[in-house]
């Protein structure tokens, strides 16, 4: 488990309310549209896709806020007519771990990090991020995903 602070990141993003029961409709689809829009608006892509969960508790029926974000260079580009928006992600204090392989292992990584946080009596912030460093839909064993669980920094 690694503790770190992520500095603000400028992103092109999509935002919705959903649940884990309904989340599959966004997999691959939104990221593809984000990349296409970045290209269309001549925005320089500066990092991999982020999935940002606020209020997700692991229960498949719980509604939570989902943002899917693509880091891009700061720009005065107008997004008129776009389904996406631009913003800076807030600084983010977190613990992080990596998953090498299929996303079916995400639950295990979250459990390990949550266990470590409980052992150290750290408080979760309610925001989690997944950064898709490498996505291989043909060979999921080649996926590399960083999982970040937000924490409330102790004084």
N, C-alpha and C. Protein backbone atom coordinates (compact mmCIF):
# COMPACT_ATOMS: atom_id res chain seq x y z
N UNK A 1 0.85 -1.18 0.00
CA UNK A 1 0.00 0.00 0.00
C UNK A 1 0.89 1.23 0.00
N UNK A 2 0.62 2.12 -0.94
CA UNK A 2 1.37 3.36 -1.06
C UNK A 2 0.44 4.53 -0.76
N UNK A 3 0.88 5.45 0.10
CA UNK A 3 0.10 6.66 0.38
C UNK A 3 0.67 7.79 -0.44
N UNK A 4 -0.22 8.56 -1.09
CA UNK A 4 0.27 9.66 -1.91
C UNK A 4 -0.80 10.73 -2.08
N UNK A 5 -0.35 11.89 -2.54
CA UNK A 5 -1.25 12.99 -2.88
C UNK A 5 -1.15 13.23 -4.37
N UNK A 6 -2.28 13.14 -5.05
CA UNK A 6 -2.34 13.39 -6.48
C UNK A 6 -2.66 14.87 -6.68
N UNK A 7 -1.83 15.54 -7.43
CA UNK A 7 -2.03 16.97 -7.69
C UNK A 7 -3.19 17.15 -8.68
N UNK A 8 -3.73 18.37 -8.78
CA UNK A 8 -4.84 18.61 -9.72
C UNK A 8 -4.48 18.18 -11.14
N UNK A 9 -5.46 17.61 -11.82
CA UNK A 9 -5.28 17.12 -13.19
C UNK A 9 -6.39 17.73 -14.04
N UNK A 10 -6.03 18.30 -15.17
CA UNK A 10 -7.01 18.88 -16.09
C UNK A 10 -7.58 17.76 -16.96
N UNK A 11 -8.91 17.65 -17.00
CA UNK A 11 -9.54 16.53 -17.69
C UNK A 11 -10.72 16.97 -18.55
N UNK A 12 -10.95 16.18 -19.57
CA UNK A 12 -12.20 16.16 -20.33
C UNK A 12 -13.00 15.03 -19.70
N UNK A 13 -14.26 15.29 -19.31
CA UNK A 13 -14.93 14.26 -18.53
C UNK A 13 -16.42 14.12 -18.84
N UNK A 14 -16.93 12.96 -18.45
CA UNK A 14 -18.33 12.57 -18.52
C UNK A 14 -18.76 12.29 -17.09
N UNK A 15 -19.99 12.65 -16.74
CA UNK A 15 -20.44 12.43 -15.36
C UNK A 15 -21.88 11.94 -15.38
N UNK A 16 -22.18 10.99 -14.47
CA UNK A 16 -23.53 10.44 -14.37
C UNK A 16 -23.76 9.88 -12.98
N UNK A 17 -25.00 9.58 -12.67
CA UNK A 17 -25.37 8.81 -11.48
C UNK A 17 -25.68 7.41 -11.97
N UNK A 18 -25.14 6.41 -11.28
CA UNK A 18 -25.36 5.02 -11.70
C UNK A 18 -25.21 4.10 -10.50
N UNK A 19 -25.25 2.81 -10.74
CA UNK A 19 -24.99 1.77 -9.74
C UNK A 19 -24.13 0.71 -10.40
N UNK A 20 -23.56 -0.18 -9.59
CA UNK A 20 -22.75 -1.25 -10.19
C UNK A 20 -23.62 -2.17 -11.05
N UNK A 21 -24.91 -2.28 -10.73
CA UNK A 21 -25.81 -3.07 -11.57
C UNK A 21 -25.93 -2.51 -12.98
N UNK A 22 -25.74 -1.20 -13.13
CA UNK A 22 -25.96 -0.54 -14.42
C UNK A 22 -24.69 0.01 -15.06
N UNK A 23 -23.54 -0.28 -14.50
CA UNK A 23 -22.30 0.38 -14.92
C UNK A 23 -21.75 -0.13 -16.25
N UNK A 24 -22.08 -1.34 -16.64
CA UNK A 24 -21.48 -1.92 -17.85
C UNK A 24 -21.78 -1.12 -19.12
N UNK A 25 -22.86 -0.36 -19.12
CA UNK A 25 -23.20 0.43 -20.32
C UNK A 25 -22.15 1.50 -20.62
N UNK A 26 -21.28 1.81 -19.66
CA UNK A 26 -20.27 2.85 -19.85
C UNK A 26 -18.89 2.29 -20.22
N UNK A 27 -18.69 0.99 -20.00
CA UNK A 27 -17.39 0.37 -20.25
C UNK A 27 -17.06 0.43 -21.74
N UNK A 28 -15.88 0.90 -22.06
CA UNK A 28 -15.35 1.08 -23.42
C UNK A 28 -16.04 2.21 -24.19
N UNK A 29 -17.34 2.32 -24.04
CA UNK A 29 -18.13 3.26 -24.84
C UNK A 29 -17.74 4.71 -24.55
N UNK A 30 -17.77 5.11 -23.28
CA UNK A 30 -17.50 6.51 -22.93
C UNK A 30 -16.04 6.85 -23.18
N UNK A 31 -15.12 5.98 -22.83
CA UNK A 31 -13.70 6.26 -23.07
C UNK A 31 -13.46 6.49 -24.56
N UNK A 32 -14.05 5.67 -25.39
CA UNK A 32 -13.90 5.83 -26.84
C UNK A 32 -14.39 7.20 -27.29
N UNK A 33 -15.55 7.60 -26.78
CA UNK A 33 -16.10 8.92 -27.15
C UNK A 33 -15.23 10.05 -26.62
N UNK A 34 -14.65 9.89 -25.42
CA UNK A 34 -13.76 10.92 -24.88
C UNK A 34 -12.53 11.10 -25.77
N UNK A 35 -11.90 10.00 -26.17
CA UNK A 35 -10.74 10.09 -27.06
C UNK A 35 -11.12 10.75 -28.39
N UNK A 36 -12.26 10.37 -28.93
CA UNK A 36 -12.72 10.93 -30.20
C UNK A 36 -12.96 12.44 -30.07
N UNK A 37 -13.57 12.86 -28.96
CA UNK A 37 -13.84 14.28 -28.76
C UNK A 37 -12.54 15.07 -28.54
N UNK A 38 -11.60 14.50 -27.81
CA UNK A 38 -10.30 15.16 -27.61
C UNK A 38 -9.62 15.39 -28.96
N UNK A 39 -9.66 14.39 -29.82
CA UNK A 39 -9.07 14.52 -31.15
C UNK A 39 -9.81 15.58 -31.96
N UNK A 40 -11.13 15.53 -31.93
CA UNK A 40 -11.96 16.46 -32.71
C UNK A 40 -11.72 17.91 -32.27
N UNK A 41 -11.53 18.12 -30.96
CA UNK A 41 -11.32 19.48 -30.43
C UNK A 41 -9.84 19.85 -30.35
N UNK A 42 -8.98 18.96 -30.87
CA UNK A 42 -7.52 19.19 -30.88
C UNK A 42 -6.95 19.41 -29.48
N UNK A 43 -7.44 18.61 -28.52
CA UNK A 43 -6.92 18.63 -27.16
C UNK A 43 -5.82 17.58 -27.05
N UNK A 44 -4.71 17.94 -26.46
CA UNK A 44 -3.60 17.00 -26.30
C UNK A 44 -3.89 16.08 -25.12
N UNK A 45 -3.92 14.78 -25.36
CA UNK A 45 -4.14 13.79 -24.31
C UNK A 45 -2.86 13.67 -23.50
N UNK A 46 -2.99 13.78 -22.16
CA UNK A 46 -1.80 13.79 -21.30
C UNK A 46 -1.77 12.63 -20.30
N UNK A 47 -2.71 11.70 -20.38
CA UNK A 47 -2.70 10.58 -19.45
C UNK A 47 -3.78 9.57 -19.80
N UNK A 48 -3.86 8.48 -19.01
CA UNK A 48 -4.83 7.42 -19.27
C UNK A 48 -6.22 7.75 -18.70
N UNK A 49 -7.18 6.92 -19.03
CA UNK A 49 -8.56 7.07 -18.57
C UNK A 49 -8.65 6.84 -17.06
N UNK A 50 -9.43 7.72 -16.40
CA UNK A 50 -9.74 7.61 -14.98
C UNK A 50 -11.23 7.31 -14.83
N UNK A 51 -11.55 6.40 -13.93
CA UNK A 51 -12.93 6.23 -13.47
C UNK A 51 -12.93 6.70 -12.03
N UNK A 52 -13.82 7.64 -11.71
CA UNK A 52 -13.86 8.26 -10.38
C UNK A 52 -15.23 7.99 -9.77
N UNK A 53 -15.22 7.33 -8.63
CA UNK A 53 -16.44 6.93 -7.94
C UNK A 53 -16.60 7.76 -6.68
N UNK A 54 -17.76 8.38 -6.50
CA UNK A 54 -18.06 9.12 -5.27
C UNK A 54 -19.33 8.54 -4.68
N UNK A 55 -19.20 7.98 -3.48
CA UNK A 55 -20.35 7.41 -2.79
C UNK A 55 -20.60 5.95 -3.09
N UNK A 56 -19.72 5.29 -3.82
CA UNK A 56 -19.89 3.85 -4.09
C UNK A 56 -19.47 3.07 -2.85
N UNK A 57 -20.29 2.09 -2.47
CA UNK A 57 -19.99 1.31 -1.27
C UNK A 57 -19.83 -0.19 -1.54
N UNK A 58 -19.83 -0.57 -2.81
CA UNK A 58 -19.69 -1.98 -3.16
C UNK A 58 -21.02 -2.70 -3.34
N UNK A 59 -22.11 -2.15 -2.80
CA UNK A 59 -23.43 -2.73 -2.97
C UNK A 59 -23.86 -2.50 -4.42
N UNK A 60 -24.26 -3.56 -5.13
CA UNK A 60 -24.61 -3.41 -6.55
C UNK A 60 -25.77 -2.46 -6.82
N UNK A 61 -26.62 -2.21 -5.83
CA UNK A 61 -27.80 -1.36 -6.04
C UNK A 61 -27.61 0.08 -5.61
N UNK A 62 -26.56 0.39 -4.86
CA UNK A 62 -26.34 1.76 -4.37
C UNK A 62 -26.06 2.71 -5.53
N UNK A 63 -26.78 3.82 -5.57
CA UNK A 63 -26.54 4.86 -6.57
C UNK A 63 -25.32 5.69 -6.13
N UNK A 64 -24.46 6.02 -7.08
CA UNK A 64 -23.28 6.83 -6.79
C UNK A 64 -22.96 7.69 -8.00
N UNK A 65 -22.09 8.66 -7.79
CA UNK A 65 -21.64 9.54 -8.87
C UNK A 65 -20.44 8.90 -9.55
N UNK A 66 -20.49 8.79 -10.86
CA UNK A 66 -19.39 8.25 -11.65
C UNK A 66 -18.92 9.31 -12.63
N UNK A 67 -17.62 9.59 -12.60
CA UNK A 67 -17.00 10.43 -13.62
C UNK A 67 -16.00 9.57 -14.38
N UNK A 68 -16.01 9.68 -15.68
CA UNK A 68 -15.01 9.03 -16.52
C UNK A 68 -14.24 10.17 -17.16
N UNK A 69 -12.94 10.20 -16.92
CA UNK A 69 -12.15 11.39 -17.27
C UNK A 69 -10.91 11.02 -18.07
N UNK A 70 -10.59 11.90 -19.00
CA UNK A 70 -9.39 11.77 -19.83
C UNK A 70 -8.52 13.00 -19.60
N UNK A 71 -7.32 12.84 -19.02
CA UNK A 71 -6.44 14.00 -18.83
C UNK A 71 -6.06 14.62 -20.18
N UNK A 72 -6.20 15.94 -20.25
CA UNK A 72 -5.85 16.69 -21.46
C UNK A 72 -5.13 17.97 -21.03
N UNK A 73 -4.36 18.53 -21.96
CA UNK A 73 -3.68 19.79 -21.66
C UNK A 73 -4.71 20.89 -21.48
N UNK A 74 -4.35 21.87 -20.65
CA UNK A 74 -5.23 23.01 -20.40
C UNK A 74 -5.37 23.80 -21.69
N UNK A 75 -6.60 24.20 -21.99
CA UNK A 75 -6.86 24.83 -23.28
C UNK A 75 -8.05 25.77 -23.15
N UNK A 76 -8.11 26.75 -24.02
CA UNK A 76 -9.27 27.64 -24.09
C UNK A 76 -10.29 27.14 -25.11
N UNK A 77 -10.15 25.89 -25.50
CA UNK A 77 -11.04 25.29 -26.50
C UNK A 77 -12.49 25.37 -26.05
N UNK A 78 -13.35 25.81 -26.94
CA UNK A 78 -14.79 25.83 -26.68
C UNK A 78 -15.35 24.42 -26.88
N UNK A 79 -16.19 23.99 -25.96
CA UNK A 79 -16.80 22.67 -26.08
C UNK A 79 -18.28 22.77 -26.44
N UNK A 80 -18.66 23.84 -27.11
CA UNK A 80 -20.06 24.01 -27.52
C UNK A 80 -20.52 22.78 -28.30
N UNK A 81 -21.68 22.28 -27.94
CA UNK A 81 -22.23 21.12 -28.63
C UNK A 81 -21.65 19.79 -28.19
N UNK A 82 -20.77 19.80 -27.20
CA UNK A 82 -20.14 18.56 -26.73
C UNK A 82 -20.94 17.97 -25.57
N UNK A 83 -20.93 16.65 -25.47
CA UNK A 83 -21.55 15.99 -24.32
C UNK A 83 -20.62 16.02 -23.11
N UNK A 84 -19.38 16.50 -23.29
CA UNK A 84 -18.37 16.48 -22.24
C UNK A 84 -18.05 17.88 -21.75
N UNK A 85 -17.36 17.93 -20.60
CA UNK A 85 -16.95 19.20 -20.00
C UNK A 85 -15.47 19.12 -19.66
N UNK A 86 -14.88 20.28 -19.38
CA UNK A 86 -13.49 20.38 -18.93
C UNK A 86 -13.47 20.85 -17.49
N UNK A 87 -12.53 20.33 -16.70
CA UNK A 87 -12.34 20.80 -15.33
C UNK A 87 -11.00 20.29 -14.81
N UNK A 88 -10.62 20.79 -13.64
CA UNK A 88 -9.48 20.25 -12.90
C UNK A 88 -10.02 19.31 -11.83
N UNK A 89 -9.46 18.12 -11.73
CA UNK A 89 -9.76 17.25 -10.60
C UNK A 89 -9.08 17.86 -9.38
N UNK A 90 -9.73 17.78 -8.23
CA UNK A 90 -9.16 18.31 -6.99
C UNK A 90 -7.95 17.50 -6.56
N UNK A 91 -7.05 18.11 -5.76
CA UNK A 91 -5.97 17.31 -5.17
C UNK A 91 -6.60 16.12 -4.43
N UNK A 92 -5.91 15.00 -4.41
CA UNK A 92 -6.51 13.76 -3.92
C UNK A 92 -5.51 13.00 -3.06
N UNK A 93 -5.79 12.91 -1.76
CA UNK A 93 -4.99 12.11 -0.84
C UNK A 93 -5.54 10.69 -0.88
N UNK A 94 -4.65 9.72 -1.06
CA UNK A 94 -5.13 8.35 -1.24
C UNK A 94 -4.08 7.32 -0.86
N UNK A 95 -4.55 6.09 -0.77
CA UNK A 95 -3.67 4.94 -0.76
C UNK A 95 -3.88 4.26 -2.10
N UNK A 96 -2.83 3.66 -2.62
CA UNK A 96 -2.91 3.09 -3.96
C UNK A 96 -2.32 1.69 -4.01
N UNK A 97 -2.87 0.91 -4.90
CA UNK A 97 -2.36 -0.41 -5.19
C UNK A 97 -2.55 -0.70 -6.67
N UNK A 98 -1.84 -1.68 -7.17
CA UNK A 98 -1.93 -2.01 -8.60
C UNK A 98 -2.50 -3.40 -8.79
N UNK A 99 -3.32 -3.50 -9.82
CA UNK A 99 -3.84 -4.78 -10.26
C UNK A 99 -3.21 -5.10 -11.60
N UNK A 100 -2.55 -6.22 -11.67
CA UNK A 100 -1.96 -6.70 -12.92
C UNK A 100 -2.80 -7.88 -13.37
N UNK A 101 -3.62 -7.67 -14.39
CA UNK A 101 -4.47 -8.75 -14.88
C UNK A 101 -5.92 -8.33 -14.99
N UNK A 102 -6.78 -9.33 -15.08
CA UNK A 102 -8.21 -9.14 -15.31
C UNK A 102 -8.85 -8.27 -14.23
N UNK A 103 -9.83 -7.46 -14.66
CA UNK A 103 -10.54 -6.60 -13.72
C UNK A 103 -11.41 -7.38 -12.75
N UNK A 104 -11.53 -8.68 -12.95
CA UNK A 104 -12.24 -9.49 -11.97
C UNK A 104 -11.52 -9.47 -10.62
N UNK A 105 -10.26 -9.06 -10.63
CA UNK A 105 -9.48 -8.95 -9.39
C UNK A 105 -9.62 -7.63 -8.68
N UNK A 106 -10.42 -6.70 -9.21
CA UNK A 106 -10.56 -5.39 -8.57
C UNK A 106 -11.08 -5.49 -7.14
N UNK A 107 -12.06 -6.35 -6.91
CA UNK A 107 -12.61 -6.52 -5.56
C UNK A 107 -11.54 -6.91 -4.56
N UNK A 108 -10.64 -7.78 -4.98
CA UNK A 108 -9.55 -8.21 -4.10
C UNK A 108 -8.64 -7.04 -3.73
N UNK A 109 -8.28 -6.21 -4.72
CA UNK A 109 -7.41 -5.06 -4.45
C UNK A 109 -8.09 -4.09 -3.50
N UNK A 110 -9.37 -3.80 -3.76
CA UNK A 110 -10.11 -2.91 -2.86
C UNK A 110 -10.15 -3.48 -1.44
N UNK A 111 -10.39 -4.79 -1.31
CA UNK A 111 -10.45 -5.42 0.01
C UNK A 111 -9.11 -5.32 0.73
N UNK A 112 -8.03 -5.57 0.01
CA UNK A 112 -6.69 -5.49 0.63
C UNK A 112 -6.40 -4.07 1.11
N UNK A 113 -6.69 -3.08 0.26
CA UNK A 113 -6.43 -1.69 0.64
C UNK A 113 -7.31 -1.28 1.82
N UNK A 114 -8.60 -1.65 1.79
CA UNK A 114 -9.52 -1.31 2.88
C UNK A 114 -9.07 -1.96 4.19
N UNK A 115 -8.60 -3.20 4.11
CA UNK A 115 -8.09 -3.89 5.31
C UNK A 115 -6.89 -3.14 5.88
N UNK A 116 -5.95 -2.75 5.01
CA UNK A 116 -4.77 -2.00 5.46
C UNK A 116 -5.18 -0.67 6.09
N UNK A 117 -6.16 0.01 5.50
CA UNK A 117 -6.63 1.28 6.06
C UNK A 117 -7.25 1.07 7.44
N UNK A 118 -8.05 0.02 7.59
CA UNK A 118 -8.67 -0.27 8.88
C UNK A 118 -7.62 -0.59 9.93
N UNK A 119 -6.60 -1.37 9.53
CA UNK A 119 -5.52 -1.72 10.45
C UNK A 119 -4.80 -0.47 10.95
N UNK A 120 -4.61 0.50 10.06
CA UNK A 120 -3.92 1.74 10.42
C UNK A 120 -4.87 2.81 10.95
N UNK A 121 -6.16 2.44 11.10
CA UNK A 121 -7.19 3.37 11.58
C UNK A 121 -7.27 4.64 10.74
N UNK A 122 -7.15 4.49 9.43
CA UNK A 122 -7.29 5.61 8.49
C UNK A 122 -8.75 5.70 8.07
N UNK A 123 -9.21 6.90 7.75
CA UNK A 123 -10.60 7.14 7.38
C UNK A 123 -10.70 7.36 5.87
N UNK A 124 -11.59 6.61 5.23
CA UNK A 124 -11.81 6.75 3.79
C UNK A 124 -12.66 7.99 3.51
N UNK A 125 -12.37 8.67 2.40
CA UNK A 125 -13.06 9.92 2.05
C UNK A 125 -14.38 9.70 1.31
N UNK A 126 -14.59 8.51 0.76
CA UNK A 126 -15.79 8.25 -0.03
C UNK A 126 -15.57 8.40 -1.53
N UNK A 127 -14.34 8.78 -1.91
CA UNK A 127 -14.00 8.87 -3.34
C UNK A 127 -12.92 7.85 -3.65
N UNK A 128 -13.13 7.12 -4.73
CA UNK A 128 -12.14 6.15 -5.21
C UNK A 128 -11.88 6.42 -6.68
N UNK A 129 -10.67 6.10 -7.11
CA UNK A 129 -10.32 6.27 -8.52
C UNK A 129 -9.68 4.99 -9.04
N UNK A 130 -9.95 4.71 -10.29
CA UNK A 130 -9.26 3.63 -11.00
C UNK A 130 -8.61 4.26 -12.23
N UNK A 131 -7.32 4.04 -12.38
CA UNK A 131 -6.59 4.58 -13.52
C UNK A 131 -6.20 3.39 -14.39
N UNK A 132 -6.67 3.41 -15.62
CA UNK A 132 -6.46 2.29 -16.53
C UNK A 132 -5.18 2.52 -17.33
N UNK A 133 -4.06 2.07 -16.75
CA UNK A 133 -2.74 2.30 -17.33
C UNK A 133 -2.55 1.51 -18.62
N UNK A 134 -3.08 0.31 -18.66
CA UNK A 134 -3.06 -0.49 -19.89
C UNK A 134 -4.35 -1.30 -19.94
N UNK A 135 -5.08 -1.18 -21.05
CA UNK A 135 -6.32 -1.93 -21.23
C UNK A 135 -6.14 -2.85 -22.43
N UNK A 136 -6.27 -4.14 -22.20
CA UNK A 136 -6.14 -5.12 -23.27
C UNK A 136 -7.38 -5.99 -23.26
N UNK A 137 -8.35 -5.64 -24.10
CA UNK A 137 -9.62 -6.34 -24.10
C UNK A 137 -9.52 -7.73 -24.69
N UNK A 138 -8.51 -7.98 -25.50
CA UNK A 138 -8.30 -9.30 -26.09
C UNK A 138 -7.59 -10.24 -25.12
N UNK A 139 -6.68 -9.68 -24.32
CA UNK A 139 -5.89 -10.47 -23.36
C UNK A 139 -5.92 -9.76 -22.01
N UNK A 140 -7.01 -9.92 -21.23
CA UNK A 140 -7.17 -9.16 -19.99
C UNK A 140 -6.07 -9.40 -18.96
N UNK A 141 -5.32 -10.48 -19.10
CA UNK A 141 -4.20 -10.71 -18.17
C UNK A 141 -3.12 -9.65 -18.34
N UNK A 142 -3.18 -8.88 -19.43
CA UNK A 142 -2.20 -7.80 -19.67
C UNK A 142 -2.66 -6.44 -19.14
N UNK A 143 -3.87 -6.38 -18.56
CA UNK A 143 -4.36 -5.11 -18.01
C UNK A 143 -3.48 -4.67 -16.84
N UNK A 144 -3.29 -3.36 -16.73
CA UNK A 144 -2.62 -2.76 -15.56
C UNK A 144 -3.52 -1.63 -15.09
N UNK A 145 -3.99 -1.75 -13.84
CA UNK A 145 -4.91 -0.77 -13.28
C UNK A 145 -4.40 -0.32 -11.93
N UNK A 146 -4.35 1.00 -11.72
CA UNK A 146 -4.03 1.53 -10.40
C UNK A 146 -5.33 1.86 -9.70
N UNK A 147 -5.50 1.34 -8.49
CA UNK A 147 -6.67 1.61 -7.66
C UNK A 147 -6.25 2.60 -6.58
N UNK A 148 -7.01 3.68 -6.44
CA UNK A 148 -6.73 4.69 -5.42
C UNK A 148 -7.97 4.85 -4.55
N UNK A 149 -7.79 4.66 -3.24
CA UNK A 149 -8.88 4.89 -2.28
C UNK A 149 -8.58 6.19 -1.56
N UNK A 150 -9.53 7.13 -1.66
CA UNK A 150 -9.35 8.43 -1.02
C UNK A 150 -9.34 8.30 0.49
N UNK A 151 -8.48 9.09 1.12
CA UNK A 151 -8.38 9.10 2.58
C UNK A 151 -8.48 10.54 3.09
N UNK A 152 -8.93 10.64 4.33
CA UNK A 152 -8.93 11.93 5.00
C UNK A 152 -7.60 12.03 5.72
N UNK A 153 -6.82 13.03 5.34
CA UNK A 153 -5.49 13.19 5.92
C UNK A 153 -5.61 13.59 7.38
N UNK A 154 -4.84 12.91 8.23
CA UNK A 154 -4.85 13.26 9.64
C UNK A 154 -4.00 14.51 9.86
N UNK A 155 -4.41 15.30 10.84
CA UNK A 155 -3.71 16.58 11.11
C UNK A 155 -2.34 16.38 11.70
